[in-house]
Amino acid sequence: MAEALNHSDPGLLYEQDFAAWLDLQVAALRERRFTDLDLDNLIEEVESIRHAEARSVEHHARVVVAQLLQLAHSTLSDPRGSWKSTASSHRDELETRLTPTLRQELEDRLEKVYGSGREIAATVLETEGTSRDWLPRKCPYTLAEILQEDWFPTNVYGFDRLETLRCS
């Protein structure tokens, strides 16, 4: 049935059975049957994938920024390990997803990404009494620092120094 729908109205198959539509598009591409492609919907889907990749990169960067801000500005010593772990896992995702183009786009949008990450961190930090006004308005981190596997900012209250002393 899917084959019949594809030949009579590929748009209908796209709406009724997306998985079957994808299978037919892949088969047509592999077999170089370009006239069988549903180009309008295929273009839309490829554009959607491109935008999703960019959103994913921004999401992971935003989470790393939030964790870095929490590490730097929290008055608590306890959740630091969790914040580092979260930052590290999102850095791993960034490393997997970043291409030269997406890296440049992230660099260009770093202040916007920082603003969103700042809001996330502020919401968490306000629960412990830290005012959002204490967080830097401009991004204090370079993209290299955000992406660097082992880099974490110094806590303004010295909690990272206490961690170092406890581990010594």
C-alpha atoms as a PDB file:
ATOM      1  CA  MET A   1       0.000   0.000   0.000  1.00  0.00           C
ATOM      2  CA  ALA A   2       2.810   2.419   0.859  1.00  0.00           C
ATOM      3  CA  GLU A   3       4.312   1.960  -2.595  1.00  0.00           C
ATOM      4  CA  ALA A   4       0.959   2.774  -4.205  1.00  0.00           C
ATOM      5  CA  LEU A   5       0.529   5.852  -2.059  1.00  0.00           C
ATOM      6  CA  ASN A   6       4.056   7.024  -2.888  1.00  0.00           C
ATOM      7  CA  HIS A   7       3.439   6.916  -6.626  1.00  0.00           C
ATOM      8  CA  SER A   8      -0.012   8.462  -6.527  1.00  0.00           C
ATOM      9  CA  ASP A   9       0.539  11.082  -3.834  1.00  0.00           C
ATOM     10  CA  PRO A  10       3.837  11.167  -1.909  1.00  0.00           C
ATOM     11  CA  GLY A  11       2.503  14.027   0.226  1.00  0.00           C
ATOM     12  CA  LEU A  12      -0.334  11.793   1.423  1.00  0.00           C
ATOM     13  CA  LEU A  13       2.099   9.058   2.450  1.00  0.00           C
ATOM     14  CA  TYR A  14       4.195  11.710   4.233  1.00  0.00           C
ATOM     15  CA  GLU A  15       1.130  12.688   6.269  1.00  0.00           C
ATOM     16  CA  GLN A  16      -0.211   9.153   6.881  1.00  0.00           C
ATOM     17  CA  ASP A  17       2.929   7.069   7.463  1.00  0.00           C
ATOM     18  CA  PHE A  18       6.073   9.097   7.989  1.00  0.00           C
ATOM     19  CA  ALA A  19       8.262   6.007   8.558  1.00  0.00           C
ATOM     20  CA  ALA A  20       7.128   4.443   5.268  1.00  0.00           C
ATOM     21  CA  TRP A  21       7.671   7.786   3.533  1.00  0.00           C
ATOM     22  CA  LEU A  22      11.230   7.926   4.913  1.00  0.00           C
ATOM     23  CA  ASP A  23      11.917   4.358   3.767  1.00  0.00           C
ATOM     24  CA  LEU A  24      10.778   5.215   0.252  1.00  0.00           C
ATOM     25  CA  GLN A  25      12.845   8.390   0.143  1.00  0.00           C
ATOM     26  CA  VAL A  26      15.954   6.508   1.277  1.00  0.00           C
ATOM     27  CA  ALA A  27      15.359   3.759  -1.290  1.00  0.00           C
ATOM     28  CA  ALA A  28      14.897   6.320  -4.068  1.00  0.00           C
ATOM     29  CA  LEU A  29      18.095   8.116  -3.043  1.00  0.00           C
ATOM     30  CA  ARG A  30      20.142   4.922  -2.802  1.00  0.00           C
ATOM     31  CA  GLU A  31      18.911   3.753  -6.188  1.00  0.00           C
ATOM     32  CA  ARG A  32      19.417   7.233  -7.685  1.00  0.00           C
ATOM     33  CA  ARG A  33      15.730   7.433  -8.683  1.00  0.00           C
ATOM     34  CA  PHE A  34      15.619  11.172  -8.203  1.00  0.00           C
ATOM     35  CA  THR A  35      12.335  11.628 -10.050  1.00  0.00           C
ATOM     36  CA  ASP A  36      10.639   9.489  -7.357  1.00  0.00           C
ATOM     37  CA  LEU A  37      11.674  11.828  -4.555  1.00  0.00           C
ATOM     38  CA  ASP A  38       9.113  13.928  -2.714  1.00  0.00           C
ATOM     39  CA  LEU A  39      11.330  16.988  -2.957  1.00  0.00           C
ATOM     40  CA  ASP A  40       9.104  19.509  -1.158  1.00  0.00           C
ATOM     41  CA  ASN A  41       8.792  17.394   1.969  1.00  0.00           C
ATOM     42  CA  LEU A  42      12.365  16.105   1.712  1.00  0.00           C
ATOM     43  CA  ILE A  43      13.720  19.658   1.647  1.00  0.00           C
ATOM     44  CA  GLU A  44      11.563  20.537   4.638  1.00  0.00           C
ATOM     45  CA  GLU A  45      12.863  17.530   6.581  1.00  0.00           C
ATOM     46  CA  VAL A  46      16.516  18.243   5.766  1.00  0.00           C
ATOM     47  CA  GLU A  47      16.050  21.850   6.881  1.00  0.00           C
ATOM     48  CA  SER A  48      14.412  20.583  10.055  1.00  0.00           C
ATOM     49  CA  ILE A  49      17.402  18.336  10.784  1.00  0.00           C
ATOM     50  CA  ARG A  50      19.778  21.271  10.270  1.00  0.00           C
ATOM     51  CA  HIS A  51      17.823  23.475  12.669  1.00  0.00           C
ATOM     52  CA  ALA A  52      17.564  20.655  15.213  1.00  0.00           C
ATOM     53  CA  GLU A  53      21.349  20.216  15.197  1.00  0.00           C
ATOM     54  CA  ALA A  54      21.876  23.930  15.823  1.00  0.00           C
ATOM     55  CA  ARG A  55      19.286  23.914  18.638  1.00  0.00           C
ATOM     56  CA  SER A  56      20.915  20.854  20.184  1.00  0.00           C
ATOM     57  CA  VAL A  57      24.346  22.505  20.202  1.00  0.00           C
ATOM     58  CA  GLU A  58      22.895  25.632  21.809  1.00  0.00           C
ATOM     59  CA  HIS A  59      21.025  23.559  24.382  1.00  0.00           C
ATOM     60  CA  HIS A  60      24.141  21.668  25.471  1.00  0.00           C
ATOM     61  CA  ALA A  61      26.199  24.872  25.601  1.00  0.00           C
ATOM     62  CA  ARG A  62      23.474  26.591  27.635  1.00  0.00           C
ATOM     63  CA  VAL A  63      23.516  23.759  30.200  1.00  0.00           C
ATOM     64  CA  VAL A  64      27.321  23.881  30.456  1.00  0.00           C
ATOM     65  CA  VAL A  65      27.181  27.649  30.997  1.00  0.00           C
ATOM     66  CA  ALA A  66      24.543  27.241  33.720  1.00  0.00           C
ATOM     67  CA  GLN A  67      26.638  24.619  35.501  1.00  0.00           C
ATOM     68  CA  LEU A  68      29.780  26.768  35.276  1.00  0.00           C
ATOM     69  CA  LEU A  69      27.924  29.738  36.753  1.00  0.00           C
ATOM     70  CA  GLN A  70      26.538  27.587  39.551  1.00  0.00           C
ATOM     71  CA  LEU A  71      30.012  26.267  40.305  1.00  0.00           C
ATOM     72  CA  ALA A  72      31.434  29.791  40.351  1.00  0.00           C
ATOM     73  CA  HIS A  73      28.684  31.524  42.337  1.00  0.00           C
ATOM     74  CA  SER A  74      27.065  28.987  44.633  1.00  0.00           C
ATOM     75  CA  THR A  75      27.342  29.550  48.356  1.00  0.00           C
ATOM     76  CA  LEU A  76      26.939  25.793  48.871  1.00  0.00           C
ATOM     77  CA  SER A  77      29.699  23.221  48.754  1.00  0.00           C
ATOM     78  CA  ASP A  78      27.553  20.095  48.375  1.00  0.00           C
ATOM     79  CA  PRO A  79      26.152  19.909  44.793  1.00  0.00           C
ATOM     80  CA  ARG A  80      29.471  20.773  43.115  1.00  0.00           C
ATOM     81  CA  GLY A  81      30.196  17.194  42.004  1.00  0.00           C
ATOM     82  CA  SER A  82      26.798  16.903  40.365  1.00  0.00           C
ATOM     83  CA  TRP A  83      27.250  20.204  38.543  1.00  0.00           C
ATOM     84  CA  LYS A  84      30.666  19.124  37.280  1.00  0.00           C
ATOM     85  CA  SER A  85      29.263  15.804  36.115  1.00  0.00           C
ATOM     86  CA  THR A  86      26.398  17.505  34.276  1.00  0.00           C
ATOM     87  CA  ALA A  87      28.770  19.985  32.642  1.00  0.00           C
ATOM     88  CA  SER A  88      31.065  17.150  31.561  1.00  0.00           C
ATOM     89  CA  SER A  89      28.286  15.095  29.991  1.00  0.00           C
ATOM     90  CA  HIS A  90      26.998  18.102  28.054  1.00  0.00           C
ATOM     91  CA  ARG A  91      30.538  18.951  26.970  1.00  0.00           C
ATOM     92  CA  ASP A  92      30.819  15.398  25.608  1.00  0.00           C
ATOM     93  CA  GLU A  93      27.624  15.930  23.606  1.00  0.00           C
ATOM     94  CA  LEU A  94      28.960  19.224  22.295  1.00  0.00           C
ATOM     95  CA  GLU A  95      32.192  17.564  21.209  1.00  0.00           C
ATOM     96  CA  THR A  96      30.194  14.930  19.329  1.00  0.00           C
ATOM     97  CA  ARG A  97      27.891  17.432  17.608  1.00  0.00           C
ATOM     98  CA  LEU A  98      30.129  20.404  16.858  1.00  0.00           C
ATOM     99  CA  THR A  99      31.179  20.845  13.256  1.00  0.00           C
ATOM    100  CA  PRO A 100      33.213  23.829  12.055  1.00  0.00           C
ATOM    101  CA  THR A 101      29.997  25.563  10.927  1.00  0.00           C
ATOM    102  CA  LEU A 102      28.089  24.859  14.155  1.00  0.00           C
ATOM    103  CA  ARG A 103      31.128  25.936  16.189  1.00  0.00           C
ATOM    104  CA  GLN A 104      31.218  29.295  14.397  1.00  0.00           C
ATOM    105  CA  GLU A 105      27.476  29.742  14.858  1.00  0.00           C
ATOM    106  CA  LEU A 106      27.835  28.995  18.569  1.00  0.00           C
ATOM    107  CA  GLU A 107      30.688  31.492  18.819  1.00  0.00           C
ATOM    108  CA  ASP A 108      28.513  34.109  17.079  1.00  0.00           C
ATOM    109  CA  ARG A 109      25.574  33.431  19.423  1.00  0.00           C
ATOM    110  CA  LEU A 110      27.585  32.944  22.616  1.00  0.00           C
ATOM    111  CA  GLU A 111      26.140  36.000  24.390  1.00  0.00           C
ATOM    112  CA  LYS A 112      22.574  34.845  23.690  1.00  0.00           C
ATOM    113  CA  VAL A 113      23.390  31.300  24.824  1.00  0.00           C
ATOM    114  CA  TYR A 114      25.061  32.758  27.919  1.00  0.00           C
ATOM    115  CA  GLY A 115      21.956  34.826  28.699  1.00  0.00           C
ATOM    116  CA  SER A 116      19.792  31.703  28.652  1.00  0.00           C
ATOM    117  CA  GLY A 117      22.305  29.753  30.733  1.00  0.00           C
ATOM    118  CA  ARG A 118      22.501  32.661  33.161  1.00  0.00           C
ATOM    119  CA  GLU A 119      18.732  32.500  33.656  1.00  0.00           C
ATOM    120  CA  ILE A 120      18.883  28.771  34.406  1.00  0.00           C
ATOM    121  CA  ALA A 121      21.712  29.277  36.904  1.00  0.00           C
ATOM    122  CA  ALA A 122      19.986  32.270  38.497  1.00  0.00           C
ATOM    123  CA  THR A 123      16.845  30.238  39.125  1.00  0.00           C
ATOM    124  CA  VAL A 124      18.876  27.564  40.917  1.00  0.00           C
ATOM    125  CA  LEU A 125      21.098  29.994  42.811  1.00  0.00           C
ATOM    126  CA  GLU A 126      18.180  32.100  44.020  1.00  0.00           C
ATOM    127  CA  THR A 127      16.926  29.075  45.985  1.00  0.00           C
ATOM    128  CA  GLU A 128      20.051  29.365  48.129  1.00  0.00           C
ATOM    129  CA  GLY A 129      19.804  33.137  48.482  1.00  0.00           C
ATOM    130  CA  THR A 130      22.209  34.197  45.729  1.00  0.00           C
ATOM    131  CA  SER A 131      20.830  37.168  43.808  1.00  0.00           C
ATOM    132  CA  ARG A 132      20.816  36.945  40.008  1.00  0.00           C
ATOM    133  CA  ASP A 133      22.312  40.445  40.056  1.00  0.00           C
ATOM    134  CA  TRP A 134      25.557  38.910  41.322  1.00  0.00           C
ATOM    135  CA  LEU A 135      25.952  36.923  38.106  1.00  0.00           C
ATOM    136  CA  PRO A 136      27.951  38.583  35.319  1.00  0.00           C
ATOM    137  CA  ARG A 137      25.767  40.228  32.660  1.00  0.00           C
ATOM    138  CA  LYS A 138      28.285  39.434  29.899  1.00  0.00           C
ATOM    139  CA  CYS A 139      29.668  35.973  29.293  1.00  0.00           C
ATOM    140  CA  PRO A 140      32.821  35.606  31.417  1.00  0.00           C
ATOM    141  CA  TYR A 141      33.836  32.415  29.593  1.00  0.00           C
ATOM    142  CA  THR A 142      35.414  31.869  26.224  1.00  0.00           C
ATOM    143  CA  LEU A 143      34.038  29.179  23.957  1.00  0.00           C
ATOM    144  CA  ALA A 144      37.304  27.287  24.496  1.00  0.00           C
ATOM    145  CA  GLU A 145      36.690  27.283  28.275  1.00  0.00           C
ATOM    146  CA  ILE A 146      33.083  26.188  27.837  1.00  0.00           C
ATOM    147  CA  LEU A 147      34.257  23.273  25.712  1.00  0.00           C
ATOM    148  CA  GLN A 148      37.420  22.377  27.672  1.00  0.00           C
ATOM    149  CA  GLU A 149      36.983  18.977  29.295  1.00  0.00           C
ATOM    150  CA  ASP A 150      38.696  19.621  32.642  1.00  0.00           C
ATOM    151  CA  TRP A 151      38.176  23.350  33.065  1.00  0.00           C
ATOM    152  CA  PHE A 152      35.904  24.717  35.775  1.00  0.00           C
ATOM    153  CA  PRO A 153      35.773  28.282  37.116  1.00  0.00           C
ATOM    154  CA  THR A 154      36.983  29.189  40.558  1.00  0.00           C
ATOM    155  CA  ASN A 155      34.207  29.536  43.116  1.00  0.00           C
ATOM    156  CA  VAL A 156      34.000  33.122  44.343  1.00  0.00           C
ATOM    157  CA  TYR A 157      33.471  31.858  47.917  1.00  0.00           C
ATOM    158  CA  GLY A 158      36.437  29.490  47.845  1.00  0.00           C
ATOM    159  CA  PHE A 159      34.538  26.197  47.903  1.00  0.00           C
ATOM    160  CA  ASP A 160      36.762  24.676  45.223  1.00  0.00           C
ATOM    161  CA  ARG A 161      39.795  25.410  47.427  1.00  0.00           C
ATOM    162  CA  LEU A 162      38.081  23.582  50.300  1.00  0.00           C
ATOM    163  CA  GLU A 163      37.504  20.607  47.970  1.00  0.00           C
ATOM    164  CA  THR A 164      41.208  20.609  47.072  1.00  0.00           C
ATOM    165  CA  LEU A 165      42.215  20.691  50.754  1.00  0.00           C
ATOM    166  CA  ARG A 166      39.849  17.811  51.619  1.00  0.00           C
ATOM    167  CA  CYS A 167      41.266  15.684  48.798  1.00  0.00           C
ATOM    168  CA  SER A 168      44.903  16.348  49.827  1.00  0.00           C
END
